[in-house]
Amino acid sequence: MLLNPEGPVLYRLYQPEDFSALYAIEEACFEHPLRFGRGYMHRLVRGPGTATWIAEQDGQLAGFAIVDWAREARQTGAYIQTLEVAPNRRHQGVGGELLRRLETSARTAGVHIVWLHVDAENTPAIRLYQAHGYRREGQENHYYARSRPALIYAKSLETPDPRPLTPDP
C-alpha cells in the first residue's frame, strides 16, 4: 500500500469484475487505433502464464499492468504487455509500484529477463523504465499504428527484490 494525498493505493491481482474499469483506463490512456481492442484485452488478462496487477484508490481503479511469460528453449522470458495509470493518478508512484509487482510475479514464475516495447515518444514511460533498471536493447520501426516506432527495453531479474509480493488488505 502506498499513501498519497488522495488516500492509500491498494494493489491486488485482477478479478473478472475489474474488466470494465480496466478497459476504461485503456480508453483514457490510448486513442484509437493505438489502444488494444476489448477482445484482445480479454485474452491478455485471462491468458495462462499471465499476471495482471490492479492499483485501486478510493474504490476506483487507478491503474493496471499485465505481464506474461513463456518457456522457450530452457529459458523463461517475460513480456510487459502494458502498464497504464489513469491520467489523474499519474506522478504518484503508482506506475513504479505496478512495475515492481509485475517483475516480482515474473521472477516467482522463474523468469530471468523481462522486456517490453514503449512508444519512442512516450518520455514519461521511458524515464520510468530507465529509473527501474531497464536498458534500451533496440528499436522497432513502424511498430505502433500510424507508423510510430517502439523502443525495446529489457531488464535482468537475476537479483531478487527484497520486498514481499502480497496483495494489500
C-alpha atoms as a PDB file:
ATOM      1  CA  MET A   1       0.000   0.000   0.000  1.00  0.00           C
ATOM      2  CA  LEU A   2       1.265   3.472  -0.909  1.00  0.00           C
ATOM      3  CA  LEU A   3      -0.018   6.629   0.723  1.00  0.00           C
ATOM      4  CA  ASN A   4      -0.642   9.847  -1.121  1.00  0.00           C
ATOM      5  CA  PRO A   5      -2.780  12.955  -0.575  1.00  0.00           C
ATOM      6  CA  GLU A   6      -5.896  11.311  -2.002  1.00  0.00           C
ATOM      7  CA  GLY A   7      -5.709   8.224   0.206  1.00  0.00           C
ATOM      8  CA  PRO A   8      -3.946   4.863   0.116  1.00  0.00           C
ATOM      9  CA  VAL A   9      -3.377   2.996  -3.116  1.00  0.00           C
ATOM     10  CA  LEU A  10      -4.125  -0.706  -2.752  1.00  0.00           C
ATOM     11  CA  TYR A  11      -2.552  -3.308  -5.046  1.00  0.00           C
ATOM     12  CA  ARG A  12      -4.121  -6.644  -5.857  1.00  0.00           C
ATOM     13  CA  LEU A  13      -4.435  -9.174  -8.615  1.00  0.00           C
ATOM     14  CA  TYR A  14      -7.086  -8.764 -11.314  1.00  0.00           C
ATOM     15  CA  GLN A  15     -10.595 -10.144 -10.882  1.00  0.00           C
ATOM     16  CA  PRO A  16     -13.033 -10.564 -13.821  1.00  0.00           C
ATOM     17  CA  GLU A  17     -15.344  -7.883 -12.404  1.00  0.00           C
ATOM     18  CA  ASP A  18     -12.485  -5.364 -12.891  1.00  0.00           C
ATOM     19  CA  PHE A  19     -12.653  -5.562 -16.668  1.00  0.00           C
ATOM     20  CA  SER A  20     -14.960  -2.595 -17.378  1.00  0.00           C
ATOM     21  CA  ALA A  21     -12.942  -0.231 -15.185  1.00  0.00           C
ATOM     22  CA  LEU A  22      -9.680  -1.632 -16.547  1.00  0.00           C
ATOM     23  CA  TYR A  23     -10.793  -1.033 -20.119  1.00  0.00           C
ATOM     24  CA  ALA A  24     -11.960   2.487 -19.244  1.00  0.00           C
ATOM     25  CA  ILE A  25      -8.345   3.241 -18.270  1.00  0.00           C
ATOM     26  CA  GLU A  26      -7.190   1.768 -21.592  1.00  0.00           C
ATOM     27  CA  GLU A  27      -9.562   4.146 -23.380  1.00  0.00           C
ATOM     28  CA  ALA A  28      -8.364   7.122 -21.321  1.00  0.00           C
ATOM     29  CA  CYS A  29      -4.703   6.334 -21.948  1.00  0.00           C
ATOM     30  CA  PHE A  30      -4.753   5.461 -25.649  1.00  0.00           C
ATOM     31  CA  GLU A  31      -6.596   6.802 -28.657  1.00  0.00           C
ATOM     32  CA  HIS A  32      -7.894   4.544 -31.376  1.00  0.00           C
ATOM     33  CA  PRO A  33      -6.036   2.950 -33.224  1.00  0.00           C
ATOM     34  CA  LEU A  34      -3.301   2.834 -30.562  1.00  0.00           C
ATOM     35  CA  ARG A  35      -5.361   1.036 -27.907  1.00  0.00           C
ATOM     36  CA  PHE A  36      -5.925  -2.675 -27.513  1.00  0.00           C
ATOM     37  CA  GLY A  37      -9.322  -3.948 -28.614  1.00  0.00           C
ATOM     38  CA  ARG A  38     -11.684  -5.317 -25.961  1.00  0.00           C
ATOM     39  CA  GLY A  39     -11.374  -8.899 -27.227  1.00  0.00           C
ATOM     40  CA  TYR A  40      -7.587  -8.768 -27.232  1.00  0.00           C
ATOM     41  CA  MET A  41      -7.541  -7.247 -23.736  1.00  0.00           C
ATOM     42  CA  HIS A  42      -9.867 -10.024 -22.502  1.00  0.00           C
ATOM     43  CA  ARG A  43      -7.431 -12.615 -23.880  1.00  0.00           C
ATOM     44  CA  LEU A  44      -4.490 -10.891 -22.205  1.00  0.00           C
ATOM     45  CA  VAL A  45      -5.988 -10.772 -18.714  1.00  0.00           C
ATOM     46  CA  ARG A  46      -7.203 -14.386 -18.905  1.00  0.00           C
ATOM     47  CA  GLY A  47      -4.158 -15.907 -20.535  1.00  0.00           C
ATOM     48  CA  PRO A  48      -2.093 -18.690 -18.995  1.00  0.00           C
ATOM     49  CA  GLY A  49       1.237 -17.509 -17.631  1.00  0.00           C
ATOM     50  CA  THR A  50      -0.130 -14.024 -17.070  1.00  0.00           C
ATOM     51  CA  ALA A  51      -0.248 -11.714 -14.067  1.00  0.00           C
ATOM     52  CA  THR A  52      -2.458  -8.644 -14.104  1.00  0.00           C
ATOM     53  CA  TRP A  53      -1.984  -6.250 -11.207  1.00  0.00           C
ATOM     54  CA  ILE A  54      -4.572  -3.652 -10.258  1.00  0.00           C
ATOM     55  CA  ALA A  55      -3.948  -0.378  -8.410  1.00  0.00           C
ATOM     56  CA  GLU A  56      -7.055   0.834  -6.635  1.00  0.00           C
ATOM     57  CA  GLN A  57      -7.611   4.130  -4.848  1.00  0.00           C
ATOM     58  CA  ASP A  58     -10.770   5.359  -3.157  1.00  0.00           C
ATOM     59  CA  GLY A  59     -12.682   2.386  -4.609  1.00  0.00           C
ATOM     60  CA  GLN A  60     -11.687   3.180  -8.201  1.00  0.00           C
ATOM     61  CA  LEU A  61      -9.029   1.688 -10.428  1.00  0.00           C
ATOM     62  CA  ALA A  62      -6.003   3.965 -10.566  1.00  0.00           C
ATOM     63  CA  GLY A  63      -4.023   1.760 -12.931  1.00  0.00           C
ATOM     64  CA  PHE A  64      -3.172  -1.739 -14.051  1.00  0.00           C
ATOM     65  CA  ALA A  65      -0.354  -3.688 -15.611  1.00  0.00           C
ATOM     66  CA  ILE A  66      -0.082  -7.002 -17.440  1.00  0.00           C
ATOM     67  CA  VAL A  67       2.929  -9.282 -17.819  1.00  0.00           C
ATOM     68  CA  ASP A  68       3.034 -12.702 -19.441  1.00  0.00           C
ATOM     69  CA  TRP A  69       5.729 -15.321 -19.721  1.00  0.00           C
ATOM     70  CA  ALA A  70       6.535 -18.397 -21.728  1.00  0.00           C
ATOM     71  CA  ARG A  71       9.256 -21.012 -21.683  1.00  0.00           C
ATOM     72  CA  GLU A  72      11.376 -21.186 -24.803  1.00  0.00           C
ATOM     73  CA  ALA A  73      14.438 -23.417 -25.200  1.00  0.00           C
ATOM     74  CA  ARG A  74      15.134 -23.856 -21.475  1.00  0.00           C
ATOM     75  CA  GLN A  75      14.669 -20.184 -20.665  1.00  0.00           C
ATOM     76  CA  THR A  76      11.607 -18.356 -19.485  1.00  0.00           C
ATOM     77  CA  GLY A  77      11.187 -14.772 -20.594  1.00  0.00           C
ATOM     78  CA  ALA A  78       8.501 -12.281 -19.681  1.00  0.00           C
ATOM     79  CA  TYR A  79       6.952  -9.522 -21.714  1.00  0.00           C
ATOM     80  CA  ILE A  80       5.210  -6.493 -20.240  1.00  0.00           C
ATOM     81  CA  GLN A  81       2.102  -6.178 -22.369  1.00  0.00           C
ATOM     82  CA  THR A  82       1.028  -2.872 -20.875  1.00  0.00           C
ATOM     83  CA  LEU A  83       1.349  -0.657 -17.833  1.00  0.00           C
ATOM     84  CA  GLU A  84      -1.294   2.051 -17.567  1.00  0.00           C
ATOM     85  CA  VAL A  85      -2.099   4.669 -14.957  1.00  0.00           C
ATOM     86  CA  ALA A  86      -5.237   6.793 -15.069  1.00  0.00           C
ATOM     87  CA  PRO A  87      -4.318  10.333 -16.118  1.00  0.00           C
ATOM     88  CA  ASN A  88      -5.478  11.830 -12.792  1.00  0.00           C
ATOM     89  CA  ARG A  89      -3.368   9.320 -10.802  1.00  0.00           C
ATOM     90  CA  ARG A  90      -0.016   9.818 -12.548  1.00  0.00           C
ATOM     91  CA  HIS A  91       3.161  11.042 -10.819  1.00  0.00           C
ATOM     92  CA  GLN A  92       2.138   9.440  -7.519  1.00  0.00           C
ATOM     93  CA  GLY A  93       4.281   6.285  -7.650  1.00  0.00           C
ATOM     94  CA  VAL A  94       1.525   4.022  -8.991  1.00  0.00           C
ATOM     95  CA  GLY A  95       3.397   3.088 -12.193  1.00  0.00           C
ATOM     96  CA  GLY A  96       6.591   2.244 -10.336  1.00  0.00           C
ATOM     97  CA  GLU A  97       4.802   0.027  -7.854  1.00  0.00           C
ATOM     98  CA  LEU A  98       2.855  -1.762 -10.598  1.00  0.00           C
ATOM     99  CA  LEU A  99       6.143  -2.359 -12.423  1.00  0.00           C
ATOM    100  CA  ARG A 100       7.733  -3.802  -9.273  1.00  0.00           C
ATOM    101  CA  ARG A 101       4.810  -6.164  -8.795  1.00  0.00           C
ATOM    102  CA  LEU A 102       4.974  -7.339 -12.417  1.00  0.00           C
ATOM    103  CA  GLU A 103       8.665  -8.070 -12.014  1.00  0.00           C
ATOM    104  CA  THR A 104       8.099  -9.994  -8.795  1.00  0.00           C
ATOM    105  CA  SER A 105       5.323 -12.078 -10.366  1.00  0.00           C
ATOM    106  CA  ALA A 106       7.597 -12.879 -13.313  1.00  0.00           C
ATOM    107  CA  ARG A 107      10.524 -13.689 -11.008  1.00  0.00           C
ATOM    108  CA  THR A 108       8.280 -16.031  -8.990  1.00  0.00           C
ATOM    109  CA  ALA A 109       7.409 -17.818 -12.252  1.00  0.00           C
ATOM    110  CA  GLY A 110      11.102 -18.475 -12.862  1.00  0.00           C
ATOM    111  CA  VAL A 111      11.685 -15.662 -15.342  1.00  0.00           C
ATOM    112  CA  HIS A 112      15.230 -14.346 -15.720  1.00  0.00           C
ATOM    113  CA  ILE A 113      14.612 -11.466 -18.112  1.00  0.00           C
ATOM    114  CA  VAL A 114      11.700  -9.160 -18.788  1.00  0.00           C
ATOM    115  CA  TRP A 115      11.302  -6.951 -21.818  1.00  0.00           C
ATOM    116  CA  LEU A 116       8.854  -4.510 -23.346  1.00  0.00           C
ATOM    117  CA  HIS A 117       8.118  -2.123 -26.174  1.00  0.00           C
ATOM    118  CA  VAL A 118       7.493   1.545 -25.460  1.00  0.00           C
ATOM    119  CA  ASP A 119       6.456   4.288 -27.866  1.00  0.00           C
ATOM    120  CA  ALA A 120       9.608   6.251 -28.731  1.00  0.00           C
ATOM    121  CA  GLU A 121       7.712   9.478 -27.953  1.00  0.00           C
ATOM    122  CA  ASN A 122       6.457   8.363 -24.508  1.00  0.00           C
ATOM    123  CA  THR A 123       9.137  10.130 -22.475  1.00  0.00           C
ATOM    124  CA  PRO A 124       7.489   9.654 -19.038  1.00  0.00           C
ATOM    125  CA  ALA A 125       7.256   5.878 -19.568  1.00  0.00           C
ATOM    126  CA  ILE A 126      10.842   5.703 -20.847  1.00  0.00           C
ATOM    127  CA  ARG A 127      12.034   7.563 -17.727  1.00  0.00           C
ATOM    128  CA  LEU A 128      10.077   5.156 -15.506  1.00  0.00           C
ATOM    129  CA  TYR A 129      11.629   2.083 -17.104  1.00  0.00           C
ATOM    130  CA  GLN A 130      15.135   3.542 -17.027  1.00  0.00           C
ATOM    131  CA  ALA A 131      14.724   4.506 -13.357  1.00  0.00           C
ATOM    132  CA  HIS A 132      13.870   0.861 -12.609  1.00  0.00           C
ATOM    133  CA  GLY A 133      16.931  -0.576 -14.314  1.00  0.00           C
ATOM    134  CA  TYR A 134      15.643  -1.239 -17.826  1.00  0.00           C
ATOM    135  CA  ARG A 135      18.177  -0.815 -20.609  1.00  0.00           C
ATOM    136  CA  ARG A 136      17.467   0.004 -24.212  1.00  0.00           C
ATOM    137  CA  GLU A 137      18.105  -3.014 -26.411  1.00  0.00           C
ATOM    138  CA  GLY A 138      16.903  -1.741 -29.759  1.00  0.00           C
ATOM    139  CA  GLN A 139      14.214  -0.095 -31.815  1.00  0.00           C
ATOM    140  CA  GLU A 140      11.444  -1.436 -33.986  1.00  0.00           C
ATOM    141  CA  ASN A 141      10.256   0.969 -36.657  1.00  0.00           C
ATOM    142  CA  HIS A 142       6.570   1.089 -37.644  1.00  0.00           C
ATOM    143  CA  TYR A 143       5.650  -0.968 -34.558  1.00  0.00           C
ATOM    144  CA  TYR A 144       2.645   1.071 -33.478  1.00  0.00           C
ATOM    145  CA  ALA A 145      -0.256   2.361 -35.550  1.00  0.00           C
ATOM    146  CA  ARG A 146       0.460   5.410 -37.664  1.00  0.00           C
ATOM    147  CA  SER A 147       3.979   4.014 -38.249  1.00  0.00           C
ATOM    148  CA  ARG A 148       5.219   5.072 -34.810  1.00  0.00           C
ATOM    149  CA  PRO A 149       8.465   3.434 -33.695  1.00  0.00           C
ATOM    150  CA  ALA A 150       8.894   1.463 -30.490  1.00  0.00           C
ATOM    151  CA  LEU A 151      11.967   1.288 -28.323  1.00  0.00           C
ATOM    152  CA  ILE A 152      12.767  -2.127 -26.884  1.00  0.00           C
ATOM    153  CA  TYR A 153      13.834  -2.239 -23.237  1.00  0.00           C
ATOM    154  CA  ALA A 154      14.892  -5.209 -21.130  1.00  0.00           C
ATOM    155  CA  LYS A 155      15.910  -5.961 -17.550  1.00  0.00           C
ATOM    156  CA  SER A 156      17.562  -8.928 -15.919  1.00  0.00           C
ATOM    157  CA  LEU A 157      15.627 -10.357 -12.978  1.00  0.00           C
ATOM    158  CA  GLU A 158      18.558 -12.347 -11.615  1.00  0.00           C
ATOM    159  CA  THR A 159      18.732 -10.275  -8.412  1.00  0.00           C
ATOM    160  CA  PRO A 160      15.724 -10.898  -6.155  1.00  0.00           C
ATOM    161  CA  ASP A 161      13.605  -7.992  -4.922  1.00  0.00           C
ATOM    162  CA  PRO A 162      13.799  -7.991  -1.116  1.00  0.00           C
ATOM    163  CA  ARG A 163      10.261  -6.637  -0.711  1.00  0.00           C
ATOM    164  CA  PRO A 164       7.445  -9.184  -0.384  1.00  0.00           C
ATOM    165  CA  LEU A 165       4.756  -9.516  -3.003  1.00  0.00           C
ATOM    166  CA  THR A 166       1.327  -9.679  -1.430  1.00  0.00           C
ATOM    167  CA  PRO A 167      -1.938  -8.023  -2.288  1.00  0.00           C
ATOM    168  CA  ASP A 168      -2.802  -5.233   0.120  1.00  0.00           C
ATOM    169  CA  PRO A 169      -5.516  -5.997   2.664  1.00  0.00           C
END
